[in-house]
């Protein structure tokens, strides 16, 4: 999909070629380069656009070697830039239409969600959990606020969506109250706290598990959870397990 920068580059190149064609046609047309004398910028613009679009009415054509060479360059360069610009602009339009359609299909899928597991965030724990759930053929979705991450997860075969986990409006679409469980695994402690608050509001009786990224975050999350959510600190569990193994 062409970016806005690429489209702007194509448009700038197209304008540059148009100016080159108009100015060159006008100058050569003033010196007998064409079968008719070109006395206005309008006639020069007309010939340039007709030539670049390959319509070629034949009412104006080059007659001198210099003019013929100029027209050859104009056709080769102009046509390439013209087609590239058209492809970039229309391609962007079509991609946006497809994305909108995909969004509608995604909304339809969300309405069918029931007894599913919602993995909020794609940090280490949720990534491993997704692998295990996939092996068990469990119904689950993954939510991330990063489109690139979402595309990566989709390539892995997961149902991934882009949404703000700290937004009640966004999270409502995933039917948290109908889910088996919500697992929050975010690198940012503050976002994890807000995501937990939203989950508590929307989850109903669904189980909530929060992965604490740090010891300090674990303390705050437990206070906010107030017994409503299970707070897990994988690093702390791993440290205790290793310590017990070493000194057993």
C-alpha atoms as a PDB file:
ATOM      1  CA  UNK A   1       0.000   0.000   0.000  1.00  0.00           C
ATOM      2  CA  UNK A   2       1.439   3.347  -1.068  1.00  0.00           C
ATOM      3  CA  UNK A   3       2.090   5.808   1.746  1.00  0.00           C
ATOM      4  CA  UNK A   4       1.102   9.468   1.605  1.00  0.00           C
ATOM      5  CA  UNK A   5       4.792  10.308   1.123  1.00  0.00           C
ATOM      6  CA  UNK A   6       5.002   8.028  -1.920  1.00  0.00           C
ATOM      7  CA  UNK A   7       1.833   9.510  -3.385  1.00  0.00           C
ATOM      8  CA  UNK A   8       3.175  13.040  -2.845  1.00  0.00           C
ATOM      9  CA  UNK A   9       6.424  12.018  -4.575  1.00  0.00           C
ATOM     10  CA  UNK A  10       4.508  10.645  -7.573  1.00  0.00           C
ATOM     11  CA  UNK A  11       2.361  13.777  -7.823  1.00  0.00           C
ATOM     12  CA  UNK A  12       5.456  16.016  -7.617  1.00  0.00           C
ATOM     13  CA  UNK A  13       7.179  13.967 -10.332  1.00  0.00           C
ATOM     14  CA  UNK A  14       4.058  14.184 -12.498  1.00  0.00           C
ATOM     15  CA  UNK A  15       3.924  17.963 -12.142  1.00  0.00           C
ATOM     16  CA  UNK A  16       7.632  18.177 -12.963  1.00  0.00           C
ATOM     17  CA  UNK A  17       7.180  16.146 -16.147  1.00  0.00           C
ATOM     18  CA  UNK A  18       4.155  18.230 -17.133  1.00  0.00           C
ATOM     19  CA  UNK A  19       6.126  21.458 -16.726  1.00  0.00           C
ATOM     20  CA  UNK A  20       9.025  19.937 -18.681  1.00  0.00           C
ATOM     21  CA  UNK A  21       6.654  18.894 -21.470  1.00  0.00           C
ATOM     22  CA  UNK A  22       4.788  22.195 -21.638  1.00  0.00           C
ATOM     23  CA  UNK A  23       7.918  24.379 -21.605  1.00  0.00           C
ATOM     24  CA  UNK A  24       9.778  22.151 -24.080  1.00  0.00           C
ATOM     25  CA  UNK A  25       6.806  21.972 -26.440  1.00  0.00           C
ATOM     26  CA  UNK A  26       6.311  25.720 -26.335  1.00  0.00           C
ATOM     27  CA  UNK A  27       9.994  26.486 -27.038  1.00  0.00           C
ATOM     28  CA  UNK A  28      10.325  23.924 -29.837  1.00  0.00           C
ATOM     29  CA  UNK A  29       6.936  24.941 -31.222  1.00  0.00           C
ATOM     30  CA  UNK A  30       8.146  28.518 -31.496  1.00  0.00           C
ATOM     31  CA  UNK A  31      11.096  27.376 -33.615  1.00  0.00           C
ATOM     32  CA  UNK A  32       9.337  25.126 -36.096  1.00  0.00           C
ATOM     33  CA  UNK A  33       9.786  21.853 -34.272  1.00  0.00           C
ATOM     34  CA  UNK A  34       6.192  20.804 -34.975  1.00  0.00           C
ATOM     35  CA  UNK A  35       3.967  20.749 -38.036  1.00  0.00           C
ATOM     36  CA  UNK A  36       2.128  23.802 -36.708  1.00  0.00           C
ATOM     37  CA  UNK A  37       3.445  26.811 -34.828  1.00  0.00           C
ATOM     38  CA  UNK A  38       2.643  26.658 -31.103  1.00  0.00           C
ATOM     39  CA  UNK A  39       1.902  30.177 -29.960  1.00  0.00           C
ATOM     40  CA  UNK A  40       0.329  29.602 -26.531  1.00  0.00           C
ATOM     41  CA  UNK A  41       0.963  27.774 -23.304  1.00  0.00           C
ATOM     42  CA  UNK A  42      -2.519  26.283 -23.646  1.00  0.00           C
ATOM     43  CA  UNK A  43      -1.598  24.608 -26.937  1.00  0.00           C
ATOM     44  CA  UNK A  44       1.649  23.362 -25.386  1.00  0.00           C
ATOM     45  CA  UNK A  45      -0.233  21.945 -22.388  1.00  0.00           C
ATOM     46  CA  UNK A  46      -2.772  20.333 -24.718  1.00  0.00           C
ATOM     47  CA  UNK A  47      -0.052  18.582 -26.736  1.00  0.00           C
ATOM     48  CA  UNK A  48       1.819  17.479 -23.592  1.00  0.00           C
ATOM     49  CA  UNK A  49      -1.233  15.942 -21.923  1.00  0.00           C
ATOM     50  CA  UNK A  50      -2.428  14.273 -25.143  1.00  0.00           C
ATOM     51  CA  UNK A  51       1.049  12.812 -25.647  1.00  0.00           C
ATOM     52  CA  UNK A  52       1.468  11.583 -22.063  1.00  0.00           C
ATOM     53  CA  UNK A  53      -1.969   9.969 -22.084  1.00  0.00           C
ATOM     54  CA  UNK A  54      -1.062   8.235 -25.412  1.00  0.00           C
ATOM     55  CA  UNK A  55      -4.284   9.498 -27.032  1.00  0.00           C
ATOM     56  CA  UNK A  56      -2.368  11.066 -29.924  1.00  0.00           C
ATOM     57  CA  UNK A  57      -4.947  12.897 -32.064  1.00  0.00           C
ATOM     58  CA  UNK A  58      -2.325  13.648 -34.700  1.00  0.00           C
ATOM     59  CA  UNK A  59      -3.242  17.317 -35.132  1.00  0.00           C
ATOM     60  CA  UNK A  60       0.153  18.310 -33.706  1.00  0.00           C
ATOM     61  CA  UNK A  61       3.260  16.223 -34.300  1.00  0.00           C
ATOM     62  CA  UNK A  62       7.052  16.745 -34.340  1.00  0.00           C
ATOM     63  CA  UNK A  63       8.848  17.301 -37.617  1.00  0.00           C
ATOM     64  CA  UNK A  64      12.462  18.019 -36.614  1.00  0.00           C
ATOM     65  CA  UNK A  65      14.907  15.493 -35.119  1.00  0.00           C
ATOM     66  CA  UNK A  66      15.202  17.535 -31.929  1.00  0.00           C
ATOM     67  CA  UNK A  67      11.444  17.726 -31.499  1.00  0.00           C
ATOM     68  CA  UNK A  68      11.070  14.005 -32.234  1.00  0.00           C
ATOM     69  CA  UNK A  69      13.722  13.152 -29.638  1.00  0.00           C
ATOM     70  CA  UNK A  70      11.990  15.441 -27.125  1.00  0.00           C
ATOM     71  CA  UNK A  71       8.647  13.721 -27.725  1.00  0.00           C
ATOM     72  CA  UNK A  72      10.218  10.260 -27.322  1.00  0.00           C
ATOM     73  CA  UNK A  73      11.658  11.280 -23.941  1.00  0.00           C
ATOM     74  CA  UNK A  74       8.339  12.864 -22.940  1.00  0.00           C
ATOM     75  CA  UNK A  75       6.416   9.689 -23.800  1.00  0.00           C
ATOM     76  CA  UNK A  76       8.815   7.310 -22.033  1.00  0.00           C
ATOM     77  CA  UNK A  77       9.286   9.375 -18.874  1.00  0.00           C
ATOM     78  CA  UNK A  78       5.854  10.945 -18.808  1.00  0.00           C
ATOM     79  CA  UNK A  79       3.921   7.746 -19.339  1.00  0.00           C
ATOM     80  CA  UNK A  80       5.871   5.950 -16.613  1.00  0.00           C
ATOM     81  CA  UNK A  81       5.325   8.728 -14.083  1.00  0.00           C
ATOM     82  CA  UNK A  82       1.700   9.195 -15.123  1.00  0.00           C
ATOM     83  CA  UNK A  83       0.838   5.502 -14.727  1.00  0.00           C
ATOM     84  CA  UNK A  84       2.786   5.309 -11.466  1.00  0.00           C
ATOM     85  CA  UNK A  85       0.871   8.272 -10.023  1.00  0.00           C
ATOM     86  CA  UNK A  86      -2.486   6.876 -11.119  1.00  0.00           C
ATOM     87  CA  UNK A  87      -1.639   3.441  -9.685  1.00  0.00           C
ATOM     88  CA  UNK A  88      -0.490   4.933  -6.357  1.00  0.00           C
ATOM     89  CA  UNK A  89      -3.535   7.161  -5.929  1.00  0.00           C
ATOM     90  CA  UNK A  90      -6.159   4.632  -7.026  1.00  0.00           C
ATOM     91  CA  UNK A  91      -4.325   1.867  -5.176  1.00  0.00           C
ATOM     92  CA  UNK A  92      -4.489   3.847  -1.934  1.00  0.00           C
ATOM     93  CA  UNK A  93      -8.207   4.437  -2.494  1.00  0.00           C
ATOM     94  CA  UNK A  94      -8.889   0.750  -3.138  1.00  0.00           C
ATOM     95  CA  UNK A  95      -6.823  -0.318  -0.127  1.00  0.00           C
ATOM     96  CA  UNK A  96      -8.844   1.984   2.105  1.00  0.00           C
ATOM     97  CA  UNK A  97     -12.063   0.503   0.701  1.00  0.00           C
ATOM     98  CA  UNK A  98     -10.749  -2.997   1.423  1.00  0.00           C
ATOM     99  CA  UNK A  99      -9.706  -1.998   4.943  1.00  0.00           C
ATOM    100  CA  UNK A 100     -13.187  -0.581   5.573  1.00  0.00           C
ATOM    101  CA  UNK A 101     -14.754  -3.806   4.311  1.00  0.00           C
ATOM    102  CA  UNK A 102     -12.411  -5.825   6.507  1.00  0.00           C
ATOM    103  CA  UNK A 103     -13.441  -3.676   9.449  1.00  0.00           C
ATOM    104  CA  UNK A 104     -17.110  -4.444   8.812  1.00  0.00           C
ATOM    105  CA  UNK A 105     -16.401  -8.146   8.533  1.00  0.00           C
ATOM    106  CA  UNK A 106     -14.413  -7.918  11.767  1.00  0.00           C
ATOM    107  CA  UNK A 107     -17.386  -6.300  13.500  1.00  0.00           C
ATOM    108  CA  UNK A 108     -19.593  -9.137  12.300  1.00  0.00           C
ATOM    109  CA  UNK A 109     -17.139 -11.661  13.770  1.00  0.00           C
ATOM    110  CA  UNK A 110     -17.107  -9.819  17.069  1.00  0.00           C
ATOM    111  CA  UNK A 111     -20.892 -10.072  17.383  1.00  0.00           C
ATOM    112  CA  UNK A 112     -20.569 -13.859  17.171  1.00  0.00           C
ATOM    113  CA  UNK A 113     -18.040 -14.059  19.983  1.00  0.00           C
ATOM    114  CA  UNK A 114     -19.075 -16.229  22.922  1.00  0.00           C
ATOM    115  CA  UNK A 115     -17.108 -18.346  25.416  1.00  0.00           C
ATOM    116  CA  UNK A 116     -13.890 -17.050  23.893  1.00  0.00           C
ATOM    117  CA  UNK A 117     -10.625 -16.028  25.531  1.00  0.00           C
ATOM    118  CA  UNK A 118      -9.438 -12.447  25.043  1.00  0.00           C
ATOM    119  CA  UNK A 119      -5.682 -11.912  25.106  1.00  0.00           C
ATOM    120  CA  UNK A 120      -5.066  -8.202  25.605  1.00  0.00           C
ATOM    121  CA  UNK A 121      -1.535  -7.341  24.553  1.00  0.00           C
ATOM    122  CA  UNK A 122       1.118  -9.503  22.936  1.00  0.00           C
ATOM    123  CA  UNK A 123       3.849  -9.465  25.550  1.00  0.00           C
ATOM    124  CA  UNK A 124       5.778 -12.650  26.379  1.00  0.00           C
ATOM    125  CA  UNK A 125       3.113 -14.441  28.432  1.00  0.00           C
ATOM    126  CA  UNK A 126       0.270 -13.833  25.984  1.00  0.00           C
ATOM    127  CA  UNK A 127       2.489 -14.867  23.084  1.00  0.00           C
ATOM    128  CA  UNK A 128       3.207 -18.235  24.715  1.00  0.00           C
ATOM    129  CA  UNK A 129      -0.392 -18.550  25.830  1.00  0.00           C
ATOM    130  CA  UNK A 130      -1.575 -18.002  22.238  1.00  0.00           C
ATOM    131  CA  UNK A 131       0.613 -20.904  21.096  1.00  0.00           C
ATOM    132  CA  UNK A 132      -0.840 -23.213  23.771  1.00  0.00           C
ATOM    133  CA  UNK A 133      -4.431 -22.174  23.100  1.00  0.00           C
ATOM    134  CA  UNK A 134      -3.908 -22.685  19.386  1.00  0.00           C
ATOM    135  CA  UNK A 135      -2.569 -26.203  20.029  1.00  0.00           C
ATOM    136  CA  UNK A 136      -5.697 -26.962  22.075  1.00  0.00           C
ATOM    137  CA  UNK A 137      -7.963 -25.503  19.373  1.00  0.00           C
ATOM    138  CA  UNK A 138      -9.383 -23.050  21.888  1.00  0.00           C
ATOM    139  CA  UNK A 139     -11.353 -20.070  20.624  1.00  0.00           C
ATOM    140  CA  UNK A 140      -9.389 -16.915  21.373  1.00  0.00           C
ATOM    141  CA  UNK A 141      -8.600 -13.488  19.978  1.00  0.00           C
ATOM    142  CA  UNK A 142      -5.668 -11.148  20.464  1.00  0.00           C
ATOM    143  CA  UNK A 143      -5.952  -7.390  20.862  1.00  0.00           C
ATOM    144  CA  UNK A 144      -3.102  -4.958  20.254  1.00  0.00           C
ATOM    145  CA  UNK A 145      -2.902  -1.219  19.661  1.00  0.00           C
ATOM    146  CA  UNK A 146      -0.204  -1.655  17.008  1.00  0.00           C
ATOM    147  CA  UNK A 147      -1.297  -2.415  13.394  1.00  0.00           C
ATOM    148  CA  UNK A 148       2.106  -3.920  12.531  1.00  0.00           C
ATOM    149  CA  UNK A 149       1.918  -6.330  15.466  1.00  0.00           C
ATOM    150  CA  UNK A 150      -1.645  -7.205  14.504  1.00  0.00           C
ATOM    151  CA  UNK A 151      -0.568  -8.110  10.973  1.00  0.00           C
ATOM    152  CA  UNK A 152       2.267 -10.255  12.362  1.00  0.00           C
ATOM    153  CA  UNK A 153      -0.150 -12.120  14.625  1.00  0.00           C
ATOM    154  CA  UNK A 154      -2.522 -12.691  11.715  1.00  0.00           C
ATOM    155  CA  UNK A 155       0.319 -14.190   9.694  1.00  0.00           C
ATOM    156  CA  UNK A 156       0.843 -16.630  12.573  1.00  0.00           C
ATOM    157  CA  UNK A 157      -2.760 -17.710  12.117  1.00  0.00           C
ATOM    158  CA  UNK A 158      -4.291 -15.878  15.079  1.00  0.00           C
ATOM    159  CA  UNK A 159      -7.424 -13.737  15.073  1.00  0.00           C
ATOM    160  CA  UNK A 160      -5.930 -10.372  15.925  1.00  0.00           C
ATOM    161  CA  UNK A 161      -7.551  -6.954  16.148  1.00  0.00           C
ATOM    162  CA  UNK A 162      -6.296  -3.400  16.567  1.00  0.00           C
ATOM    163  CA  UNK A 163      -7.991  -1.616  19.454  1.00  0.00           C
ATOM    164  CA  UNK A 164      -7.250   0.534  22.484  1.00  0.00           C
ATOM    165  CA  UNK A 165      -7.483  -1.747  25.522  1.00  0.00           C
ATOM    166  CA  UNK A 166      -7.892   1.297  27.764  1.00  0.00           C
ATOM    167  CA  UNK A 167     -11.016   2.408  25.895  1.00  0.00           C
ATOM    168  CA  UNK A 168     -14.436   1.196  27.062  1.00  0.00           C
ATOM    169  CA  UNK A 169     -15.875   1.927  23.601  1.00  0.00           C
ATOM    170  CA  UNK A 170     -13.229  -0.148  21.821  1.00  0.00           C
ATOM    171  CA  UNK A 171     -13.335  -3.082  24.232  1.00  0.00           C
ATOM    172  CA  UNK A 172     -17.135  -3.361  24.224  1.00  0.00           C
ATOM    173  CA  UNK A 173     -16.944  -4.626  20.651  1.00  0.00           C
ATOM    174  CA  UNK A 174     -15.179  -7.809  21.786  1.00  0.00           C
ATOM    175  CA  UNK A 175     -17.984  -8.894  24.115  1.00  0.00           C
ATOM    176  CA  UNK A 176     -15.883  -9.215  27.331  1.00  0.00           C
ATOM    177  CA  UNK A 177     -18.939 -10.248  29.368  1.00  0.00           C
ATOM    178  CA  UNK A 178     -19.417 -13.307  27.126  1.00  0.00           C
ATOM    179  CA  UNK A 179     -15.785 -14.392  27.319  1.00  0.00           C
ATOM    180  CA  UNK A 180     -14.350 -17.283  29.320  1.00  0.00           C
ATOM    181  CA  UNK A 181     -11.478 -15.111  30.431  1.00  0.00           C
ATOM    182  CA  UNK A 182      -9.527 -11.935  29.737  1.00  0.00           C
ATOM    183  CA  UNK A 183      -5.748 -12.010  30.053  1.00  0.00           C
ATOM    184  CA  UNK A 184      -4.045  -8.624  30.175  1.00  0.00           C
ATOM    185  CA  UNK A 185      -0.350  -8.692  29.278  1.00  0.00           C
ATOM    186  CA  UNK A 186       0.994  -5.220  28.499  1.00  0.00           C
ATOM    187  CA  UNK A 187       4.562  -3.950  28.775  1.00  0.00           C
ATOM    188  CA  UNK A 188       3.441  -0.531  29.977  1.00  0.00           C
ATOM    189  CA  UNK A 189       2.378  -0.687  33.639  1.00  0.00           C
ATOM    190  CA  UNK A 190       0.102   2.357  33.402  1.00  0.00           C
ATOM    191  CA  UNK A 191      -1.715   0.907  30.389  1.00  0.00           C
ATOM    192  CA  UNK A 192      -2.091  -2.398  32.231  1.00  0.00           C
ATOM    193  CA  UNK A 193      -3.752  -0.564  35.124  1.00  0.00           C
ATOM    194  CA  UNK A 194      -6.179   1.268  32.829  1.00  0.00           C
ATOM    195  CA  UNK A 195      -6.867  -1.926  30.885  1.00  0.00           C
ATOM    196  CA  UNK A 196      -7.729  -3.657  34.167  1.00  0.00           C
ATOM    197  CA  UNK A 197     -10.159  -0.875  35.115  1.00  0.00           C
ATOM    198  CA  UNK A 198     -11.889  -1.223  31.733  1.00  0.00           C
ATOM    199  CA  UNK A 199     -11.946  -5.019  32.024  1.00  0.00           C
ATOM    200  CA  UNK A 200     -13.532  -4.839  35.487  1.00  0.00           C
ATOM    201  CA  UNK A 201     -16.261  -2.587  34.088  1.00  0.00           C
ATOM    202  CA  UNK A 202     -17.059  -4.740  31.061  1.00  0.00           C
ATOM    203  CA  UNK A 203     -16.171  -8.329  31.948  1.00  0.00           C
ATOM    204  CA  UNK A 204     -19.234  -9.156  34.032  1.00  0.00           C
ATOM    205  CA  UNK A 205     -18.575 -12.587  35.565  1.00  0.00           C
ATOM    206  CA  UNK A 206     -15.784 -13.438  33.120  1.00  0.00           C
ATOM    207  CA  UNK A 207     -12.449 -14.320  34.702  1.00  0.00           C
ATOM    208  CA  UNK A 208      -9.744 -11.646  34.552  1.00  0.00           C
ATOM    209  CA  UNK A 209      -6.018 -12.332  34.732  1.00  0.00           C
ATOM    210  CA  UNK A 210      -3.434  -9.541  34.727  1.00  0.00           C
ATOM    211  CA  UNK A 211       0.255 -10.065  34.086  1.00  0.00           C
ATOM    212  CA  UNK A 212       2.280  -7.666  36.204  1.00  0.00           C
ATOM    213  CA  UNK A 213       5.345  -6.438  34.291  1.00  0.00           C
ATOM    214  CA  UNK A 214       7.132  -5.300  37.488  1.00  0.00           C
ATOM    215  CA  UNK A 215       6.980  -5.803  41.261  1.00  0.00           C
ATOM    216  CA  UNK A 216       5.749  -2.260  41.734  1.00  0.00           C
ATOM    217  CA  UNK A 217       3.049  -2.754  39.084  1.00  0.00           C
ATOM    218  CA  UNK A 218       1.989  -5.966  40.829  1.00  0.00           C
ATOM    219  CA  UNK A 219       1.331  -4.028  44.040  1.00  0.00           C
ATOM    220  CA  UNK A 220      -0.815  -1.406  42.280  1.00  0.00           C
ATOM    221  CA  UNK A 221      -2.667  -3.977  40.193  1.00  0.00           C
ATOM    222  CA  UNK A 222      -3.566  -6.043  43.275  1.00  0.00           C
ATOM    223  CA  UNK A 223      -4.993  -2.956  44.965  1.00  0.00           C
ATOM    224  CA  UNK A 224      -7.061  -2.099  41.900  1.00  0.00           C
ATOM    225  CA  UNK A 225      -8.116  -5.709  41.304  1.00  0.00           C
ATOM    226  CA  UNK A 226      -9.493  -5.906  44.845  1.00  0.00           C
ATOM    227  CA  UNK A 227      -9.986  -9.642  44.496  1.00  0.00           C
ATOM    228  CA  UNK A 228     -11.851  -9.322  41.175  1.00  0.00           C
ATOM    229  CA  UNK A 229      -8.819 -10.277  39.061  1.00  0.00           C
ATOM    230  CA  UNK A 230      -5.927 -12.674  39.413  1.00  0.00           C
ATOM    231  CA  UNK A 231      -2.633 -10.768  39.331  1.00  0.00           C
ATOM    232  CA  UNK A 232       0.402 -12.786  38.246  1.00  0.00           C
ATOM    233  CA  UNK A 233       4.037 -11.733  38.226  1.00  0.00           C
ATOM    234  CA  UNK A 234       5.858 -14.273  35.993  1.00  0.00           C
ATOM    235  CA  UNK A 235       9.300 -12.910  36.870  1.00  0.00           C
ATOM    236  CA  UNK A 236       8.616 -13.325  40.590  1.00  0.00           C
ATOM    237  CA  UNK A 237       7.290 -16.862  40.088  1.00  0.00           C
ATOM    238  CA  UNK A 238      10.306 -17.786  37.963  1.00  0.00           C
ATOM    239  CA  UNK A 239      12.708 -16.353  40.551  1.00  0.00           C
ATOM    240  CA  UNK A 240      11.066 -18.308  43.380  1.00  0.00           C
ATOM    241  CA  UNK A 241      11.060 -21.518  41.353  1.00  0.00           C
ATOM    242  CA  UNK A 242      14.732 -21.164  40.450  1.00  0.00           C
ATOM    243  CA  UNK A 243      15.658 -20.228  44.027  1.00  0.00           C
ATOM    244  CA  UNK A 244      13.831 -23.284  45.400  1.00  0.00           C
ATOM    245  CA  UNK A 245      15.500 -25.475  42.797  1.00  0.00           C
ATOM    246  CA  UNK A 246      18.977 -24.188  43.662  1.00  0.00           C
ATOM    247  CA  UNK A 247      18.636 -24.484  47.448  1.00  0.00           C
ATOM    248  CA  UNK A 248      16.486 -27.608  47.539  1.00  0.00           C
END
